[in-house]
Protein backbone atom coordinates (compact mmCIF):
# COMPACT_ATOMS: atom_id res chain seq x y z
CA MET A 1 -21.38 30.57 -9.19
CA ALA A 2 -20.15 26.99 -8.93
CA ASN A 3 -17.82 25.60 -11.56
CA LYS A 4 -19.55 22.65 -13.27
CA LYS A 5 -17.49 19.87 -14.77
CA ALA A 6 -17.56 16.18 -15.55
CA ILE A 7 -14.96 13.43 -15.24
CA HIS A 8 -14.53 9.97 -16.74
CA ALA A 9 -12.61 7.56 -14.53
CA TYR A 10 -11.37 3.98 -14.45
CA PHE A 11 -10.37 2.20 -11.25
CA ALA A 12 -8.23 -0.97 -11.35
CA GLY A 13 -7.35 -3.49 -8.68
CA MET A 14 -9.71 -5.57 -6.55
CA VAL A 15 -12.64 -3.24 -7.27
CA GLN A 16 -15.31 -5.73 -8.32
CA GLY A 17 -17.22 -7.76 -5.77
CA VAL A 18 -16.45 -5.37 -2.89
CA GLY A 19 -19.46 -3.00 -3.13
CA PHE A 20 -17.58 -0.38 -5.13
CA ARG A 21 -20.48 0.54 -7.46
CA PHE A 22 -23.08 0.74 -4.71
CA THR A 23 -20.78 2.80 -2.49
CA ALA A 24 -19.90 5.10 -5.42
CA ARG A 25 -23.62 5.70 -6.04
CA GLU A 26 -24.27 6.40 -2.35
CA ILE A 27 -21.37 8.86 -2.11
CA ALA A 28 -22.31 10.54 -5.42
CA GLN A 29 -25.89 11.03 -4.25
CA ARG A 30 -24.67 12.65 -1.01
CA TYR A 31 -22.57 15.06 -3.09
CA ASN A 32 -25.56 15.68 -5.41
CA LEU A 33 -23.62 14.50 -8.47
CA GLY A 34 -24.96 13.02 -11.68
CA GLY A 35 -23.41 10.23 -13.72
CA TRP A 36 -23.06 6.49 -13.65
CA VAL A 37 -20.81 3.60 -12.62
CA ARG A 38 -20.36 0.10 -14.07
CA ASN A 39 -18.10 -2.93 -14.01
CA CYS A 40 -15.91 -3.53 -17.06
CA SER A 41 -15.20 -6.97 -18.51
CA ASP A 42 -11.46 -6.47 -17.85
CA GLY A 43 -11.99 -6.24 -14.07
CA ARG A 44 -11.91 -2.45 -13.78
CA VAL A 45 -14.75 -0.15 -12.74
CA GLU A 46 -15.68 2.78 -14.99
CA LEU A 47 -17.55 5.87 -13.87
CA VAL A 48 -18.68 9.28 -15.01
CA ALA A 49 -19.43 12.01 -12.47
CA CYS A 50 -20.87 15.45 -13.20
CA GLY A 51 -21.42 18.43 -10.94
CA ASP A 52 -19.64 21.17 -9.05
CA GLU A 53 -15.87 20.83 -9.33
CA SER A 54 -15.35 20.93 -5.55
CA LYS A 55 -18.00 18.24 -5.02
CA ILE A 56 -16.38 15.98 -7.61
CA GLU A 57 -13.05 16.38 -5.80
CA GLY A 58 -14.69 15.51 -2.49
CA PHE A 59 -16.45 12.52 -4.06
CA LEU A 60 -13.21 11.16 -5.56
CA ASN A 61 -11.32 11.68 -2.30
CA GLU A 62 -13.99 9.88 -0.27
CA LEU A 63 -14.29 7.05 -2.81
CA TYR A 64 -10.53 6.57 -2.91
CA GLY A 65 -10.31 6.76 0.88
CA THR A 66 -12.97 4.08 1.24
CA PHE A 67 -11.35 1.70 -1.27
CA GLN A 68 -7.66 2.66 -1.09
CA ARG A 69 -6.70 -0.91 -0.12
CA HIS A 70 -8.48 -2.20 -3.24
CA ILE A 71 -7.45 0.38 -5.87
CA THR A 72 -4.09 -0.23 -7.56
CA ASP A 73 -4.52 2.34 -10.36
CA GLN A 74 -6.90 5.09 -11.33
CA ILE A 75 -7.28 7.20 -14.44
CA VAL A 76 -9.35 10.37 -14.24
CA GLU A 77 -9.94 12.47 -17.36
CA PRO A 78 -12.22 15.39 -18.28
CA TYR A 79 -15.57 14.40 -19.79
CA GLY A 80 -18.08 16.47 -21.72
CA LEU A 81 -21.24 17.51 -19.89
CA SER A 82 -24.17 15.55 -21.31
CA ALA A 83 -27.48 13.90 -20.52
CA ASP A 84 -25.47 11.43 -18.38
CA CYS A 85 -25.44 14.16 -15.72
CA LYS A 86 -29.03 13.64 -14.54
CA GLY A 87 -29.03 11.48 -11.41
CA PHE A 88 -26.40 8.87 -10.56
CA GLN A 89 -27.04 5.27 -11.51
CA ILE A 90 -25.43 1.87 -11.58
CA ARG A 91 -25.25 0.48 -15.09
CA PHE A 92 -25.22 -3.24 -15.73
C-alpha cells in the first residue's frame, strides 16, 4: 500500500510572474496529487501537496528542475492530511 503524506512548502526567488503556479498545478495533476498553490504578498509562492510519498518527491523534483534558475530558497515541511487534499487548485 502506498504511503500517503502531505507537505507544506514555500519557494523564494523570482517565482512570481513566471508561470510557477500554473506549472505546479499541471505537474501536480499529472502526479495525481491534491492540494493548492498561491502567491504570497512577500514575493514567495506557498503550496500544499498531498498524495503518495513517492509522487510528492517526483513532483517536487520536477517542479524544482523546471524552476531551478528562479528558486533561491525552499522550505518543505510535513503537513497534516486534510480536506485540502481533494484536487489541486490555484488559490488567489
